[in-house]
Amino acid sequence: MTGLSSSNGRAIASDTDDYVRRSVADVLTTPIGSRVMRRDYGSYLPLLVDQPMNAITRLKLYGATALALIRFHRRSRLKAVQLTTDGASAALQLELVRTDLPRPRALSVALPFSALRSAAPRT
């Protein structure tokens, strides 16, 4: 199975880490209800982007990330989620373990908040 790179449109083999990163980013940046034939696909992260950044919102971000990956990304297991901020920018740092390989391997994924902001539904 192959996928397409979102940056250059070239094919990506499904056994590469780039494919897994793109797949995780797709699940997390897709608002629930935005896919026509798969209304339950996606995550609640785009809805949480403009919430005040406090302990409750952080907990909601972590929960929404875990829920989406458990439901729609079965080729990896989530080990840790961390929200990093440095002034004006923020990113979710994900630590995953790929379980689709003969020997499980750790994988790190960084998802900038700008990707979530562009996917957030406009009201």
PDB file of N, CA and C in Angstrom:
ATOM      1  N   MET A   1       0.847  -1.166   0.000  1.00  0.00           N
ATOM      2  CA  MET A   1       0.000   0.000   0.000  1.00  0.00           C
ATOM      3  C   MET A   1       0.896   1.235   0.000  1.00  0.00           C
ATOM      4  N   THR A   2       0.462   2.267  -0.715  1.00  0.00           N
ATOM      5  CA  THR A   2       1.217   3.506  -0.748  1.00  0.00           C
ATOM      6  C   THR A   2       0.306   4.680  -0.455  1.00  0.00           C
ATOM      7  N   GLY A   3       0.924   5.757  -0.057  1.00  0.00           N
ATOM      8  CA  GLY A   3       0.210   7.003   0.171  1.00  0.00           C
ATOM      9  C   GLY A   3       0.921   8.115  -0.570  1.00  0.00           C
ATOM     10  N   LEU A   4       0.442   9.335  -0.435  1.00  0.00           N
ATOM     11  CA  LEU A   4       1.054  10.472  -1.103  1.00  0.00           C
ATOM     12  C   LEU A   4       1.616  11.441  -0.076  1.00  0.00           C
ATOM     13  N   SER A   5       2.761  11.994  -0.398  1.00  0.00           N
ATOM     14  CA  SER A   5       3.363  13.013   0.449  1.00  0.00           C
ATOM     15  C   SER A   5       2.565  14.297   0.324  1.00  0.00           C
ATOM     16  N   SER A   6       2.275  14.933   1.449  1.00  0.00           N
ATOM     17  CA  SER A   6       1.516  16.185   1.404  1.00  0.00           C
ATOM     18  C   SER A   6       2.387  17.359   0.974  1.00  0.00           C
ATOM     19  N   SER A   7       3.706  17.204   1.025  1.00  0.00           N
ATOM     20  CA  SER A   7       4.586  18.307   0.654  1.00  0.00           C
ATOM     21  C   SER A   7       4.966  18.310  -0.824  1.00  0.00           C
ATOM     22  N   ASN A   8       5.172  17.120  -1.414  1.00  0.00           N
ATOM     23  CA  ASN A   8       5.607  17.097  -2.807  1.00  0.00           C
ATOM     24  C   ASN A   8       4.754  16.218  -3.723  1.00  0.00           C
ATOM     25  N   GLY A   9       3.776  15.495  -3.194  1.00  0.00           N
ATOM     26  CA  GLY A   9       2.882  14.689  -4.019  1.00  0.00           C
ATOM     27  C   GLY A   9       3.457  13.374  -4.487  1.00  0.00           C
ATOM     28  N   ARG A  10       4.645  13.024  -4.044  1.00  0.00           N
ATOM     29  CA  ARG A  10       5.245  11.750  -4.437  1.00  0.00           C
ATOM     30  C   ARG A  10       4.695  10.612  -3.584  1.00  0.00           C
ATOM     31  N   ALA A  11       4.810   9.406  -4.119  1.00  0.00           N
ATOM     32  CA  ALA A  11       4.322   8.220  -3.416  1.00  0.00           C
ATOM     33  C   ALA A  11       5.206   7.917  -2.207  1.00  0.00           C
ATOM     34  N   ILE A  12       4.561   7.452  -1.128  1.00  0.00           N
ATOM     35  CA  ILE A  12       5.268   7.037   0.090  1.00  0.00           C
ATOM     36  C   ILE A  12       4.828   5.610   0.394  1.00  0.00           C
ATOM     37  N   ALA A  13       5.789   4.719   0.587  1.00  0.00           N
ATOM     38  CA  ALA A  13       5.465   3.331   0.936  1.00  0.00           C
ATOM     39  C   ALA A  13       4.908   3.286   2.350  1.00  0.00           C
ATOM     40  N   SER A  14       3.944   2.399   2.574  1.00  0.00           N
ATOM     41  CA  SER A  14       3.259   2.355   3.870  1.00  0.00           C
ATOM     42  C   SER A  14       4.120   1.802   4.992  1.00  0.00           C
ATOM     43  N   ASP A  15       5.264   1.226   4.683  1.00  0.00           N
ATOM     44  CA  ASP A  15       6.117   0.691   5.746  1.00  0.00           C
ATOM     45  C   ASP A  15       7.161   1.699   6.223  1.00  0.00           C
ATOM     46  N   THR A  16       7.112   2.941   5.737  1.00  0.00           N
ATOM     47  CA  THR A  16       8.082   3.954   6.150  1.00  0.00           C
ATOM     48  C   THR A  16       7.534   4.805   7.297  1.00  0.00           C
ATOM     49  N   ASP A  17       8.447   5.431   8.026  1.00  0.00           N
ATOM     50  CA  ASP A  17       8.050   6.306   9.126  1.00  0.00           C
ATOM     51  C   ASP A  17       7.363   7.567   8.611  1.00  0.00           C
ATOM     52  N   ASP A  18       7.744   8.042   7.425  1.00  0.00           N
ATOM     53  CA  ASP A  18       7.098   9.228   6.855  1.00  0.00           C
ATOM     54  C   ASP A  18       5.609   8.988   6.611  1.00  0.00           C
ATOM     55  N   TYR A  19       5.267   7.787   6.167  1.00  0.00           N
ATOM     56  CA  TYR A  19       3.865   7.450   5.927  1.00  0.00           C
ATOM     57  C   TYR A  19       3.079   7.458   7.246  1.00  0.00           C
ATOM     58  N   VAL A  20       3.685   6.913   8.297  1.00  0.00           N
ATOM     59  CA  VAL A  20       3.025   6.882   9.604  1.00  0.00           C
ATOM     60  C   VAL A  20       2.851   8.298  10.135  1.00  0.00           C
ATOM     61  N   ARG A  21       3.875   9.139   9.998  1.00  0.00           N
ATOM     62  CA  ARG A  21       3.760  10.533  10.442  1.00  0.00           C
ATOM     63  C   ARG A  21       2.635  11.258   9.703  1.00  0.00           C
ATOM     64  N   ARG A  22       2.562  11.069   8.385  1.00  0.00           N
ATOM     65  CA  ARG A  22       1.522  11.715   7.593  1.00  0.00           C
ATOM     66  C   ARG A  22       0.146  11.195   7.988  1.00  0.00           C
ATOM     67  N   SER A  23       0.044   9.915   8.240  1.00  0.00           N
ATOM     68  CA  SER A  23      -1.215   9.307   8.635  1.00  0.00           C
ATOM     69  C   SER A  23      -1.677   9.820   9.998  1.00  0.00           C
ATOM     70  N   VAL A  24      -0.758   9.929  10.948  1.00  0.00           N
ATOM     71  CA  VAL A  24      -1.086  10.451  12.280  1.00  0.00           C
ATOM     72  C   VAL A  24      -1.528  11.906  12.169  1.00  0.00           C
ATOM     73  N   ALA A  25      -0.803  12.702  11.390  1.00  0.00           N
ATOM     74  CA  ALA A  25      -1.169  14.110  11.207  1.00  0.00           C
ATOM     75  C   ALA A  25      -2.538  14.235  10.544  1.00  0.00           C
ATOM     76  N   ASP A  26      -2.852  13.358   9.608  1.00  0.00           N
ATOM     77  CA  ASP A  26      -4.153  13.396   8.945  1.00  0.00           C
ATOM     78  C   ASP A  26      -5.286  13.116   9.927  1.00  0.00           C
ATOM     79  N   VAL A  27      -5.105  12.107  10.754  1.00  0.00           N
ATOM     80  CA  VAL A  27      -6.135  11.775  11.752  1.00  0.00           C
ATOM     81  C   VAL A  27      -6.343  12.937  12.718  1.00  0.00           C
ATOM     82  N   LEU A  28      -5.253  13.515  13.209  1.00  0.00           N
ATOM     83  CA  LEU A  28      -5.359  14.536  14.246  1.00  0.00           C
ATOM     84  C   LEU A  28      -5.815  15.897  13.726  1.00  0.00           C
ATOM     85  N   THR A  29      -5.541  16.212  12.470  1.00  0.00           N
ATOM     86  CA  THR A  29      -5.930  17.524  11.936  1.00  0.00           C
ATOM     87  C   THR A  29      -7.279  17.524  11.243  1.00  0.00           C
ATOM     88  N   THR A  30      -7.907  16.363  11.093  1.00  0.00           N
ATOM     89  CA  THR A  30      -9.224  16.295  10.467  1.00  0.00           C
ATOM     90  C   THR A  30     -10.310  16.484  11.518  1.00  0.00           C
ATOM     91  N   PRO A  31     -11.125  17.527  11.386  1.00  0.00           N
ATOM     92  CA  PRO A  31     -12.219  17.707  12.350  1.00  0.00           C
ATOM     93  C   PRO A  31     -13.271  16.607  12.195  1.00  0.00           C
ATOM     94  N   ILE A  32     -13.786  16.126  13.306  1.00  0.00           N
ATOM     95  CA  ILE A  32     -14.842  15.110  13.262  1.00  0.00           C
ATOM     96  C   ILE A  32     -16.055  15.706  12.562  1.00  0.00           C
ATOM     97  N   GLY A  33     -16.622  14.920  11.625  1.00  0.00           N
ATOM     98  CA  GLY A  33     -17.792  15.359  10.885  1.00  0.00           C
ATOM     99  C   GLY A  33     -17.468  16.011   9.558  1.00  0.00           C
ATOM    100  N   SER A  34     -16.187  16.193   9.225  1.00  0.00           N
ATOM    101  CA  SER A  34     -15.830  16.877   7.984  1.00  0.00           C
ATOM    102  C   SER A  34     -15.669  15.935   6.794  1.00  0.00           C
ATOM    103  N   ARG A  35     -15.520  14.642   7.023  1.00  0.00           N
ATOM    104  CA  ARG A  35     -15.424  13.680   5.926  1.00  0.00           C
ATOM    105  C   ARG A  35     -16.824  13.204   5.564  1.00  0.00           C
ATOM    106  N   VAL A  36     -17.152  13.267   4.281  1.00  0.00           N
ATOM    107  CA  VAL A  36     -18.511  12.967   3.842  1.00  0.00           C
ATOM    108  C   VAL A  36     -18.889  11.508   4.104  1.00  0.00           C
ATOM    109  N   MET A  37     -18.058  10.581   3.720  1.00  0.00           N
ATOM    110  CA  MET A  37     -18.404   9.167   3.863  1.00  0.00           C
ATOM    111  C   MET A  37     -17.944   8.559   5.189  1.00  0.00           C
ATOM    112  N   ARG A  38     -17.178   9.292   5.954  1.00  0.00           N
ATOM    113  CA  ARG A  38     -16.705   8.808   7.263  1.00  0.00           C
ATOM    114  C   ARG A  38     -16.859   9.924   8.277  1.00  0.00           C
ATOM    115  N   ARG A  39     -18.079  10.192   8.701  1.00  0.00           N
ATOM    116  CA  ARG A  39     -18.365  11.311   9.598  1.00  0.00           C
ATOM    117  C   ARG A  39     -17.691  11.176  10.958  1.00  0.00           C
ATOM    118  N   ASP A  40     -17.383   9.950  11.398  1.00  0.00           N
ATOM    119  CA  ASP A  40     -16.765   9.780  12.716  1.00  0.00           C
ATOM    120  C   ASP A  40     -15.240   9.845  12.667  1.00  0.00           C
ATOM    121  N   TYR A  41     -14.638   9.971  11.470  1.00  0.00           N
ATOM    122  CA  TYR A  41     -13.177  10.010  11.322  1.00  0.00           C
ATOM    123  C   TYR A  41     -12.622  11.361  11.761  1.00  0.00           C
ATOM    124  N   GLY A  42     -11.489  11.352  12.445  1.00  0.00           N
ATOM    125  CA  GLY A  42     -10.817  12.586  12.825  1.00  0.00           C
ATOM    126  C   GLY A  42     -10.664  12.704  14.323  1.00  0.00           C
ATOM    127  N   SER A  43     -10.450  13.935  14.772  1.00  0.00           N
ATOM    128  CA  SER A  43     -10.251  14.183  16.198  1.00  0.00           C
ATOM    129  C   SER A  43     -10.929  15.489  16.598  1.00  0.00           C
ATOM    130  N   TYR A  44     -10.978  15.703  17.894  1.00  0.00           N
ATOM    131  CA  TYR A  44     -11.541  16.931  18.441  1.00  0.00           C
ATOM    132  C   TYR A  44     -10.485  18.028  18.589  1.00  0.00           C
ATOM    133  N   LEU A  45      -9.237  17.762  18.202  1.00  0.00           N
ATOM    134  CA  LEU A  45      -8.181  18.756  18.352  1.00  0.00           C
ATOM    135  C   LEU A  45      -8.474  20.081  17.650  1.00  0.00           C
ATOM    136  N   PRO A  46      -8.972  20.091  16.402  1.00  0.00           N
ATOM    137  CA  PRO A  46      -9.248  21.384  15.771  1.00  0.00           C
ATOM    138  C   PRO A  46     -10.265  22.236  16.538  1.00  0.00           C
ATOM    139  N   LEU A  47     -11.138  21.614  17.299  1.00  0.00           N
ATOM    140  CA  LEU A  47     -12.108  22.375  18.093  1.00  0.00           C
ATOM    141  C   LEU A  47     -11.485  22.986  19.347  1.00  0.00           C
ATOM    142  N   LEU A  48     -10.333  22.467  19.765  1.00  0.00           N
ATOM    143  CA  LEU A  48      -9.689  22.924  20.995  1.00  0.00           C
ATOM    144  C   LEU A  48      -8.611  23.974  20.762  1.00  0.00           C
ATOM    145  N   VAL A  49      -8.339  24.315  19.521  1.00  0.00           N
ATOM    146  CA  VAL A  49      -7.232  25.214  19.199  1.00  0.00           C
ATOM    147  C   VAL A  49      -7.391  26.586  19.828  1.00  0.00           C
ATOM    148  N   ASP A  50      -8.566  27.163  19.780  1.00  0.00           N
ATOM    149  CA  ASP A  50      -8.767  28.524  20.265  1.00  0.00           C
ATOM    150  C   ASP A  50      -9.236  28.594  21.715  1.00  0.00           C
ATOM    151  N   GLN A  51      -9.179  27.508  22.431  1.00  0.00           N
ATOM    152  CA  GLN A  51      -9.542  27.509  23.842  1.00  0.00           C
ATOM    153  C   GLN A  51      -8.408  28.129  24.656  1.00  0.00           C
ATOM    154  N   PRO A  52      -8.718  28.682  25.840  1.00  0.00           N
ATOM    155  CA  PRO A  52      -7.645  29.229  26.676  1.00  0.00           C
ATOM    156  C   PRO A  52      -6.685  28.120  27.094  1.00  0.00           C
ATOM    157  N   MET A  53      -5.382  28.407  27.036  1.00  0.00           N
ATOM    158  CA  MET A  53      -4.387  27.389  27.337  1.00  0.00           C
ATOM    159  C   MET A  53      -4.184  27.302  28.849  1.00  0.00           C
ATOM    160  N   ASN A  54      -4.951  26.393  29.465  1.00  0.00           N
ATOM    161  CA  ASN A  54      -4.832  26.147  30.899  1.00  0.00           C
ATOM    162  C   ASN A  54      -4.775  24.640  31.119  1.00  0.00           C
ATOM    163  N   ALA A  55      -4.787  24.216  32.351  1.00  0.00           N
ATOM    164  CA  ALA A  55      -4.643  22.786  32.663  1.00  0.00           C
ATOM    165  C   ALA A  55      -5.790  21.956  32.096  1.00  0.00           C
ATOM    166  N   ILE A  56      -6.989  22.490  32.101  1.00  0.00           N
ATOM    167  CA  ILE A  56      -8.145  21.749  31.588  1.00  0.00           C
ATOM    168  C   ILE A  56      -8.025  21.545  30.081  1.00  0.00           C
ATOM    169  N   THR A  57      -7.641  22.587  29.366  1.00  0.00           N
ATOM    170  CA  THR A  57      -7.495  22.472  27.918  1.00  0.00           C
ATOM    171  C   THR A  57      -6.367  21.507  27.565  1.00  0.00           C
ATOM    172  N   ARG A  58      -5.275  21.560  28.313  1.00  0.00           N
ATOM    173  CA  ARG A  58      -4.187  20.609  28.071  1.00  0.00           C
ATOM    174  C   ARG A  58      -4.673  19.170  28.231  1.00  0.00           C
ATOM    175  N   LEU A  59      -5.437  18.923  29.259  1.00  0.00           N
ATOM    176  CA  LEU A  59      -5.975  17.584  29.486  1.00  0.00           C
ATOM    177  C   LEU A  59      -6.900  17.161  28.343  1.00  0.00           C
ATOM    178  N   LYS A  60      -7.724  18.089  27.868  1.00  0.00           N
ATOM    179  CA  LYS A  60      -8.597  17.801  26.725  1.00  0.00           C
ATOM    180  C   LYS A  60      -7.783  17.505  25.465  1.00  0.00           C
ATOM    181  N   LEU A  61      -6.693  18.252  25.257  1.00  0.00           N
ATOM    182  CA  LEU A  61      -5.817  17.999  24.108  1.00  0.00           C
ATOM    183  C   LEU A  61      -5.217  16.602  24.164  1.00  0.00           C
ATOM    184  N   TYR A  62      -4.727  16.224  25.337  1.00  0.00           N
ATOM    185  CA  TYR A  62      -4.136  14.897  25.495  1.00  0.00           C
ATOM    186  C   TYR A  62      -5.179  13.794  25.277  1.00  0.00           C
ATOM    187  N   GLY A  63      -6.362  13.990  25.844  1.00  0.00           N
ATOM    188  CA  GLY A  63      -7.424  12.994  25.684  1.00  0.00           C
ATOM    189  C   GLY A  63      -7.900  12.871  24.248  1.00  0.00           C
ATOM    190  N   ALA A  64      -8.062  14.005  23.562  1.00  0.00           N
ATOM    191  CA  ALA A  64      -8.507  13.979  22.162  1.00  0.00           C
ATOM    192  C   ALA A  64      -7.470  13.303  21.275  1.00  0.00           C
ATOM    193  N   THR A  65      -6.200  13.532  21.569  1.00  0.00           N
ATOM    194  CA  THR A  65      -5.121  12.893  20.808  1.00  0.00           C
ATOM    195  C   THR A  65      -5.151  11.383  21.017  1.00  0.00           C
ATOM    196  N   ALA A  66      -5.221  10.961  22.259  1.00  0.00           N
ATOM    197  CA  ALA A  66      -5.228   9.532  22.566  1.00  0.00           C
ATOM    198  C   ALA A  66      -6.450   8.843  21.963  1.00  0.00           C
ATOM    199  N   LEU A  67      -7.618   9.446  22.107  1.00  0.00           N
ATOM    200  CA  LEU A  67      -8.847   8.846  21.583  1.00  0.00           C
ATOM    201  C   LEU A  67      -8.790   8.672  20.066  1.00  0.00           C
ATOM    202  N   ALA A  68      -8.335   9.695  19.350  1.00  0.00           N
ATOM    203  CA  ALA A  68      -8.275   9.621  17.888  1.00  0.00           C
ATOM    204  C   ALA A  68      -7.280   8.561  17.420  1.00  0.00           C
ATOM    205  N   LEU A  69      -6.124   8.486  18.065  1.00  0.00           N
ATOM    206  CA  LEU A  69      -5.127   7.504  17.636  1.00  0.00           C
ATOM    207  C   LEU A  69      -5.531   6.081  17.991  1.00  0.00           C
ATOM    208  N   ILE A  70      -6.199   5.897  19.114  1.00  0.00           N
ATOM    209  CA  ILE A  70      -6.674   4.560  19.473  1.00  0.00           C
ATOM    210  C   ILE A  70      -7.729   4.088  18.470  1.00  0.00           C
ATOM    211  N   ARG A  71      -8.612   4.985  18.060  1.00  0.00           N
ATOM    212  CA  ARG A  71      -9.700   4.603  17.147  1.00  0.00           C
ATOM    213  C   ARG A  71      -9.256   4.423  15.708  1.00  0.00           C
ATOM    214  N   PHE A  72      -8.365   5.297  15.214  1.00  0.00           N
ATOM    215  CA  PHE A  72      -8.115   5.337  13.774  1.00  0.00           C
ATOM    216  C   PHE A  72      -6.681   5.067  13.352  1.00  0.00           C
ATOM    217  N   HIS A  73      -5.797   4.807  14.279  1.00  0.00           N
ATOM    218  CA  HIS A  73      -4.413   4.528  13.884  1.00  0.00           C
ATOM    219  C   HIS A  73      -3.915   3.313  14.642  1.00  0.00           C
ATOM    220  N   ARG A  74      -4.346   2.161  14.205  1.00  0.00           N
ATOM    221  CA  ARG A  74      -4.050   0.920  14.925  1.00  0.00           C
ATOM    222  C   ARG A  74      -2.653   0.379  14.662  1.00  0.00           C
ATOM    223  N   ARG A  75      -1.931   0.962  13.726  1.00  0.00           N
ATOM    224  CA  ARG A  75      -0.585   0.466  13.437  1.00  0.00           C
ATOM    225  C   ARG A  75       0.447   0.963  14.435  1.00  0.00           C
ATOM    226  N   SER A  76       0.039   1.827  15.341  1.00  0.00           N
ATOM    227  CA  SER A  76       0.969   2.311  16.354  1.00  0.00           C
ATOM    228  C   SER A  76       0.263   2.466  17.695  1.00  0.00           C
ATOM    229  N   ARG A  77       1.056   2.450  18.755  1.00  0.00           N
ATOM    230  CA  ARG A  77       0.539   2.606  20.104  1.00  0.00           C
ATOM    231  C   ARG A  77       1.125   3.892  20.688  1.00  0.00           C
ATOM    232  N   LEU A  78       0.289   4.702  21.278  1.00  0.00           N
ATOM    233  CA  LEU A  78       0.715   5.974  21.847  1.00  0.00           C
ATOM    234  C   LEU A  78       1.387   5.739  23.193  1.00  0.00           C
ATOM    235  N   LYS A  79       2.593   6.278  23.354  1.00  0.00           N
ATOM    236  CA  LYS A  79       3.303   6.158  24.628  1.00  0.00           C
ATOM    237  C   LYS A  79       3.257   7.441  25.427  1.00  0.00           C
ATOM    238  N   ALA A  80       3.364   8.596  24.743  1.00  0.00           N
ATOM    239  CA  ALA A  80       3.384   9.875  25.465  1.00  0.00           C
ATOM    240  C   ALA A  80       2.926  11.000  24.547  1.00  0.00           C
ATOM    241  N   VAL A  81       2.276  11.987  25.152  1.00  0.00           N
ATOM    242  CA  VAL A  81       1.869  13.212  24.463  1.00  0.00           C
ATOM    243  C   VAL A  81       2.336  14.377  25.322  1.00  0.00           C
ATOM    244  N   GLN A  82       2.928  15.360  24.683  1.00  0.00           N
ATOM    245  CA  GLN A  82       3.378  16.535  25.418  1.00  0.00           C
ATOM    246  C   GLN A  82       3.106  17.764  24.569  1.00  0.00           C
ATOM    247  N   LEU A  83       2.593  18.808  25.200  1.00  0.00           N
ATOM    248  CA  LEU A  83       2.373  20.079  24.531  1.00  0.00           C
ATOM    249  C   LEU A  83       3.556  20.981  24.846  1.00  0.00           C
ATOM    250  N   THR A  84       4.253  21.403  23.798  1.00  0.00           N
ATOM    251  CA  THR A  84       5.401  22.290  23.988  1.00  0.00           C
ATOM    252  C   THR A  84       5.060  23.674  23.446  1.00  0.00           C
ATOM    253  N   THR A  85       5.426  24.688  24.189  1.00  0.00           N
ATOM    254  CA  THR A  85       5.207  26.062  23.750  1.00  0.00           C
ATOM    255  C   THR A  85       6.504  26.835  23.891  1.00  0.00           C
ATOM    256  N   ASP A  86       6.756  27.688  22.919  1.00  0.00           N
ATOM    257  CA  ASP A  86       7.917  28.573  23.000  1.00  0.00           C
ATOM    258  C   ASP A  86       7.507  29.938  22.451  1.00  0.00           C
ATOM    259  N   GLY A  87       6.918  30.717  23.315  1.00  0.00           N
ATOM    260  CA  GLY A  87       6.474  32.047  22.906  1.00  0.00           C
ATOM    261  C   GLY A  87       5.217  32.002  22.064  1.00  0.00           C
ATOM    262  N   ALA A  88       5.352  32.305  20.777  1.00  0.00           N
ATOM    263  CA  ALA A  88       4.188  32.419  19.900  1.00  0.00           C
ATOM    264  C   ALA A  88       3.764  31.090  19.287  1.00  0.00           C
ATOM    265  N   SER A  89       4.620  30.093  19.280  1.00  0.00           N
ATOM    266  CA  SER A  89       4.266  28.831  18.631  1.00  0.00           C
ATOM    267  C   SER A  89       4.089  27.714  19.650  1.00  0.00           C
ATOM    268  N   ALA A  90       3.305  26.721  19.255  1.00  0.00           N
ATOM    269  CA  ALA A  90       3.065  25.556  20.104  1.00  0.00           C
ATOM    270  C   ALA A  90       3.032  24.312  19.222  1.00  0.00           C
ATOM    271  N   ALA A  91       3.336  23.168  19.804  1.00  0.00           N
ATOM    272  CA  ALA A  91       3.327  21.916  19.060  1.00  0.00           C
ATOM    273  C   ALA A  91       3.005  20.771  20.000  1.00  0.00           C
ATOM    274  N   LEU A  92       2.360  19.749  19.446  1.00  0.00           N
ATOM    275  CA  LEU A  92       2.153  18.504  20.179  1.00  0.00           C
ATOM    276  C   LEU A  92       3.300  17.568  19.819  1.00  0.00           C
ATOM    277  N   GLN A  93       3.988  17.066  20.817  1.00  0.00           N
ATOM    278  CA  GLN A  93       5.055  16.092  20.620  1.00  0.00           C
ATOM    279  C   GLN A  93       4.489  14.725  20.977  1.00  0.00           C
ATOM    280  N   LEU A  94       4.472  13.810  20.031  1.00  0.00           N
ATOM    281  CA  LEU A  94       3.920  12.476  20.246  1.00  0.00           C
ATOM    282  C   LEU A  94       5.044  11.451  20.226  1.00  0.00           C
ATOM    283  N   GLU A  95       5.015  10.555  21.167  1.00  0.00           N
ATOM    284  CA  GLU A  95       5.927   9.414  21.172  1.00  0.00           C
ATOM    285  C   GLU A  95       5.082   8.178  20.909  1.00  0.00           C
ATOM    286  N   LEU A  96       5.350   7.494  19.814  1.00  0.00           N
ATOM    287  CA  LEU A  96       4.586   6.323  19.402  1.00  0.00           C
ATOM    288  C   LEU A  96       5.488   5.106  19.366  1.00  0.00           C
ATOM    289  N   VAL A  97       4.885   3.939  19.404  1.00  0.00           N
ATOM    290  CA  VAL A  97       5.585   2.685  19.148  1.00  0.00           C
ATOM    291  C   VAL A  97       4.861   2.026  17.988  1.00  0.00           C
ATOM    292  N   ARG A  98       5.588   1.818  16.903  1.00  0.00           N
ATOM    293  CA  ARG A  98       4.982   1.159  15.747  1.00  0.00           C
ATOM    294  C   ARG A  98       4.816  -0.327  16.041  1.00  0.00           C
ATOM    295  N   THR A  99       3.595  -0.807  15.916  1.00  0.00           N
ATOM    296  CA  THR A  99       3.317  -2.213  16.201  1.00  0.00           C
ATOM    297  C   THR A  99       3.092  -3.017  14.926  1.00  0.00           C
ATOM    298  N   ASP A 100       3.213  -2.383  13.759  1.00  0.00           N
ATOM    299  CA  ASP A 100       2.973  -3.076  12.497  1.00  0.00           C
ATOM    300  C   ASP A 100       4.244  -3.695  11.918  1.00  0.00           C
ATOM    301  N   LEU A 101       5.343  -3.621  12.632  1.00  0.00           N
ATOM    302  CA  LEU A 101       6.615  -4.159  12.175  1.00  0.00           C
ATOM    303  C   LEU A 101       6.914  -5.471  12.892  1.00  0.00           C
ATOM    304  N   PRO A 102       7.808  -6.292  12.324  1.00  0.00           N
ATOM    305  CA  PRO A 102       8.168  -7.536  13.025  1.00  0.00           C
ATOM    306  C   PRO A 102       8.704  -7.273  14.434  1.00  0.00           C
ATOM    307  N   ARG A 103       9.490  -6.201  14.590  1.00  0.00           N
ATOM    308  CA  ARG A 103       9.965  -5.790  15.918  1.00  0.00           C
ATOM    309  C   ARG A 103       9.495  -4.358  16.143  1.00  0.00           C
ATOM    310  N   PRO A 104       8.730  -4.108  17.194  1.00  0.00           N
ATOM    311  CA  PRO A 104       8.231  -2.757  17.447  1.00  0.00           C
ATOM    312  C   PRO A 104       9.369  -1.733  17.539  1.00  0.00           C
ATOM    313  N   ARG A 105       9.108  -0.544  17.016  1.00  0.00           N
ATOM    314  CA  ARG A 105      10.120   0.506  16.992  1.00  0.00           C
ATOM    315  C   ARG A 105       9.505   1.830  17.421  1.00  0.00           C
ATOM    316  N   ALA A 106      10.260   2.609  18.182  1.00  0.00           N
ATOM    317  CA  ALA A 106       9.792   3.917  18.649  1.00  0.00           C
ATOM    318  C   ALA A 106       9.805   4.909  17.495  1.00  0.00           C
ATOM    319  N   LEU A 107       8.859   5.847  17.547  1.00  0.00           N
ATOM    320  CA  LEU A 107       8.733   6.878  16.519  1.00  0.00           C
ATOM    321  C   LEU A 107       8.270   8.160  17.183  1.00  0.00           C
ATOM    322  N   SER A 108       8.865   9.260  16.793  1.00  0.00           N
ATOM    323  CA  SER A 108       8.497  10.562  17.336  1.00  0.00           C
ATOM    324  C   SER A 108       7.813  11.380  16.249  1.00  0.00           C
ATOM    325  N   VAL A 109       6.718  12.057  16.617  1.00  0.00           N
ATOM    326  CA  VAL A 109       5.970  12.890  15.679  1.00  0.00           C
ATOM    327  C   VAL A 109       5.736  14.242  16.333  1.00  0.00           C
ATOM    328  N   ALA A 110       6.033  15.318  15.617  1.00  0.00           N
ATOM    329  CA  ALA A 110       5.756  16.675  16.084  1.00  0.00           C
ATOM    330  C   ALA A 110       4.658  17.262  15.201  1.00  0.00           C
ATOM    331  N   LEU A 111       3.606  17.741  15.823  1.00  0.00           N
ATOM    332  CA  LEU A 111       2.484  18.330  15.095  1.00  0.00           C
ATOM    333  C   LEU A 111       2.340  19.790  15.523  1.00  0.00           C
ATOM    334  N   PRO A 112       2.737  20.738  14.647  1.00  0.00           N
ATOM    335  CA  PRO A 112       2.619  22.152  15.030  1.00  0.00           C
ATOM    336  C   PRO A 112       1.168  22.594  15.120  1.00  0.00           C
ATOM    337  N   PHE A 113       0.893  23.515  16.002  1.00  0.00           N
ATOM    338  CA  PHE A 113      -0.468  24.007  16.185  1.00  0.00           C
ATOM    339  C   PHE A 113      -0.983  24.726  14.951  1.00  0.00           C
ATOM    340  N   SER A 114      -0.092  25.239  14.112  1.00  0.00           N
ATOM    341  CA  SER A 114      -0.545  25.912  12.888  1.00  0.00           C
ATOM    342  C   SER A 114      -1.277  24.945  11.976  1.00  0.00           C
ATOM    343  N   ALA A 115      -0.907  23.676  11.984  1.00  0.00           N
ATOM    344  CA  ALA A 115      -1.618  22.673  11.180  1.00  0.00           C
ATOM    345  C   ALA A 115      -3.040  22.475  11.723  1.00  0.00           C
ATOM    346  N   LEU A 116      -3.185  22.502  13.033  1.00  0.00           N
ATOM    347  CA  LEU A 116      -4.506  22.354  13.629  1.00  0.00           C
ATOM    348  C   LEU A 116      -5.356  23.600  13.389  1.00  0.00           C
ATOM    349  N   ARG A 117      -4.711  24.759  13.447  1.00  0.00           N
ATOM    350  CA  ARG A 117      -5.445  26.013  13.263  1.00  0.00           C
ATOM    351  C   ARG A 117      -6.032  26.108  11.853  1.00  0.00           C
ATOM    352  N   SER A 118      -5.289  25.628  10.854  1.00  0.00           N
ATOM    353  CA  SER A 118      -5.805  25.682   9.491  1.00  0.00           C
ATOM    354  C   SER A 118      -6.933  24.681   9.259  1.00  0.00           C
ATOM    355  N   ALA A 119      -6.999  23.631  10.090  1.00  0.00           N
ATOM    356  CA  ALA A 119      -8.047  22.623   9.935  1.00  0.00           C
ATOM    357  C   ALA A 119      -9.276  22.931  10.774  1.00  0.00           C
ATOM    358  N   ALA A 120      -9.174  23.899  11.668  1.00  0.00           N
ATOM    359  CA  ALA A 120     -10.284  24.203  12.571  1.00  0.00           C
ATOM    360  C   ALA A 120     -11.501  24.709  11.796  1.00  0.00           C
ATOM    361  N   PRO A 121     -12.685  24.206  12.148  1.00  0.00           N
ATOM    362  CA  PRO A 121     -13.893  24.662  11.447  1.00  0.00           C
ATOM    363  C   PRO A 121     -14.188  26.114  11.757  1.00  0.00           C
ATOM    364  N   ARG A 122     -14.602  26.837  10.751  1.00  0.00           N
ATOM    365  CA  ARG A 122     -14.945  28.257  10.912  1.00  0.00           C
ATOM    366  C   ARG A 122     -16.407  28.370  11.325  1.00  0.00           C
ATOM    367  N   THR A 123     -16.675  29.209  12.323  1.00  0.00           N
ATOM    368  CA  THR A 123     -18.057  29.397  12.756  1.00  0.00           C
ATOM    369  C   THR A 123     -18.520  30.798  12.469  1.00  0.00           C
TER     370      THR A 123
END
